[in-house]
Amino acid sequence: MLSFLLLAVACDSNEVACKPKHLAEMSDCLGEDNSTETCQYYYRSVGKPEERWCRRIQEKASQNKEMQICDFNKAESWMNMSCAAYGFDAQMKCYGCVIKEGTSSKSYVFAYDTACTMAIEQVTCNVSPISVKDKL
């Protein structure tokens, strides 16, 4: 439980591990970090999205059936996904991508309401992104 508290504190102080990629304002961040020699963490940042990015990803996300490599500047590199598998509200639109570096595999799942007023950014590293839905 101590690791959860450490991550929560890091989120409050905007440490890199909890810093969202495309939120204009972060209101909450919850997660757990059990990293030792390799990363093993998950968290969800909640807040107001960057509206320009939100609109762009809703228009340009890929329809591919396979996860794409993340490019945080190109909405086309993100894949449309079902929100239900990740425990997000069915009214939201979800998008995902991955980054693999050596032994680390990071999954990013971003959820937005259609009006671009609320966003959730979930990041996992060497933890199944679906497995954390009941933990957050």
Protein backbone atom coordinates (compact mmCIF):
# COMPACT_ATOMS: atom_id res chain seq x y z
CA MET A 1 0.00 0.00 0.00
CA LEU A 2 2.95 2.31 0.55
CA SER A 3 3.71 2.30 -3.18
CA PHE A 4 0.20 3.59 -3.90
CA LEU A 5 0.73 6.48 -1.53
CA LEU A 6 4.03 7.36 -3.13
CA LEU A 7 2.47 7.54 -6.58
CA ALA A 8 -0.43 9.61 -5.32
CA VAL A 9 2.03 12.12 -3.85
CA ALA A 10 4.00 12.14 -7.11
CA CYS A 11 0.81 12.90 -9.03
CA ASP A 12 0.03 15.82 -6.76
CA SER A 13 3.47 17.28 -7.35
CA ASN A 14 3.28 16.66 -11.13
CA GLU A 15 6.20 14.26 -11.30
CA VAL A 16 6.87 12.89 -14.79
CA ALA A 17 5.29 9.49 -14.03
CA CYS A 18 1.90 11.10 -13.37
CA LYS A 19 2.10 13.97 -15.80
CA PRO A 20 -0.61 13.53 -18.42
CA LYS A 21 0.21 14.03 -22.09
CA HIS A 22 -2.87 15.91 -23.30
CA LEU A 23 -4.75 17.29 -20.31
CA ALA A 24 -5.09 21.06 -20.03
CA GLU A 25 -5.94 20.66 -16.33
CA MET A 26 -5.52 17.58 -14.13
CA SER A 27 -8.00 17.13 -11.28
CA ASP A 28 -7.02 13.65 -10.08
CA CYS A 29 -4.45 10.91 -10.56
CA LEU A 30 -4.63 7.47 -8.98
CA GLY A 31 -2.44 4.45 -9.43
CA GLU A 32 0.26 2.17 -8.10
CA ASP A 33 3.98 1.89 -8.79
CA ASN A 34 5.72 -1.40 -8.03
CA SER A 35 8.75 -0.71 -10.21
CA THR A 36 12.13 -2.15 -9.26
CA GLU A 37 14.67 -2.77 -12.03
CA THR A 38 11.96 -2.56 -14.71
CA CYS A 39 8.86 -0.44 -14.75
CA GLN A 40 5.67 -1.92 -13.35
CA TYR A 41 3.05 0.73 -12.76
CA TYR A 42 -0.36 2.00 -13.73
CA TYR A 43 -2.24 5.23 -13.24
CA ARG A 44 -5.20 7.22 -14.47
CA SER A 45 -5.13 10.99 -14.76
CA VAL A 46 -8.51 12.73 -14.89
CA GLY A 47 -9.24 16.26 -15.96
CA LYS A 48 -10.05 18.70 -18.72
CA PRO A 49 -8.56 17.73 -22.08
CA GLU A 50 -6.62 19.89 -24.46
CA GLU A 51 -9.57 20.63 -26.73
CA ARG A 52 -7.57 20.83 -29.96
CA TRP A 53 -6.03 17.38 -29.38
CA CYS A 54 -9.38 15.91 -28.30
CA ARG A 55 -11.09 17.08 -31.50
CA ARG A 56 -8.21 15.94 -33.67
CA ILE A 57 -8.04 12.44 -32.19
CA GLN A 58 -11.82 12.04 -32.54
CA GLU A 59 -11.52 12.86 -36.24
CA LYS A 60 -8.29 11.14 -37.19
CA ALA A 61 -7.77 8.06 -35.01
CA SER A 62 -7.08 4.86 -36.89
CA GLN A 63 -9.60 2.09 -37.43
CA ASN A 64 -6.80 -0.53 -37.40
CA LYS A 65 -7.36 -3.71 -35.42
CA GLU A 66 -3.80 -3.67 -34.09
CA MET A 67 -2.27 -1.23 -31.60
CA GLN A 68 -0.09 1.41 -33.20
CA ILE A 69 3.17 2.91 -31.92
CA CYS A 70 2.36 6.10 -29.99
CA ASP A 71 3.10 9.47 -31.49
CA PHE A 72 1.79 12.13 -29.11
CA ASN A 73 1.76 14.70 -31.91
CA LYS A 74 -0.14 12.63 -34.51
CA ALA A 75 -3.71 11.57 -33.79
CA GLU A 76 -3.47 9.14 -36.72
CA SER A 77 -1.11 6.94 -34.69
CA TRP A 78 -3.89 6.23 -32.16
CA MET A 79 -6.42 3.43 -32.57
CA ASN A 80 -10.15 3.64 -31.86
CA MET A 81 -10.98 1.23 -29.02
CA SER A 82 -13.93 -0.05 -27.04
CA CYS A 83 -14.16 1.78 -23.71
CA ALA A 84 -16.00 -1.06 -21.95
CA ALA A 85 -12.96 -3.36 -21.80
CA TYR A 86 -11.10 -0.75 -19.75
CA GLY A 87 -13.95 0.12 -17.40
CA PHE A 88 -14.67 3.52 -18.93
CA ASP A 89 -18.17 4.92 -19.39
CA ALA A 90 -19.76 3.66 -22.61
CA GLN A 91 -20.61 7.25 -23.62
CA MET A 92 -16.90 8.09 -23.88
CA LYS A 93 -14.69 7.58 -26.92
CA CYS A 94 -11.47 5.65 -26.29
CA TYR A 95 -8.16 5.60 -28.14
CA GLY A 96 -4.98 3.64 -27.53
CA CYS A 97 -1.39 3.08 -28.57
CA VAL A 98 1.78 1.42 -27.25
CA ILE A 99 5.46 2.14 -26.77
CA LYS A 100 7.91 -0.76 -26.46
CA GLU A 101 11.43 -0.02 -25.27
CA GLY A 102 13.63 -2.96 -24.32
CA THR A 103 11.84 -4.86 -21.55
CA SER A 104 9.25 -2.11 -21.04
CA SER A 105 5.87 -2.12 -22.70
CA LYS A 106 3.78 0.98 -22.04
CA SER A 107 0.11 1.11 -23.01
CA TYR A 108 -1.79 4.37 -23.29
CA VAL A 109 -5.60 4.46 -23.29
CA PHE A 110 -7.20 7.88 -23.46
CA ALA A 111 -10.96 8.38 -22.99
CA TYR A 112 -12.85 11.55 -23.93
CA ASP A 113 -16.46 12.65 -23.75
CA THR A 114 -17.81 13.74 -27.13
CA ALA A 115 -17.92 17.41 -26.08
CA CYS A 116 -14.21 17.38 -25.13
CA THR A 117 -14.92 18.63 -21.60
CA MET A 118 -13.64 15.58 -19.69
CA ALA A 119 -10.76 13.18 -20.23
CA ILE A 120 -9.14 10.18 -18.58
CA GLU A 121 -5.61 9.16 -19.49
CA GLN A 122 -4.63 5.66 -18.40
CA VAL A 123 -0.98 4.63 -18.61
CA THR A 124 0.37 1.20 -17.76
CA CYS A 125 3.91 -0.14 -17.93
CA ASN A 126 4.36 -3.93 -17.96
CA VAL A 127 0.85 -4.24 -16.50
CA SER A 128 -2.13 -5.32 -18.60
CA PRO A 129 -4.21 -2.20 -19.30
CA ILE A 130 -7.42 -4.23 -18.98
CA SER A 131 -6.40 -5.73 -15.60
CA VAL A 132 -6.39 -2.35 -13.81
CA LYS A 133 -10.02 -1.46 -14.53
CA ASP A 134 -11.15 -2.80 -11.14
CA LYS A 135 -8.24 -1.18 -9.28
CA LEU A 136 -8.84 2.41 -10.35
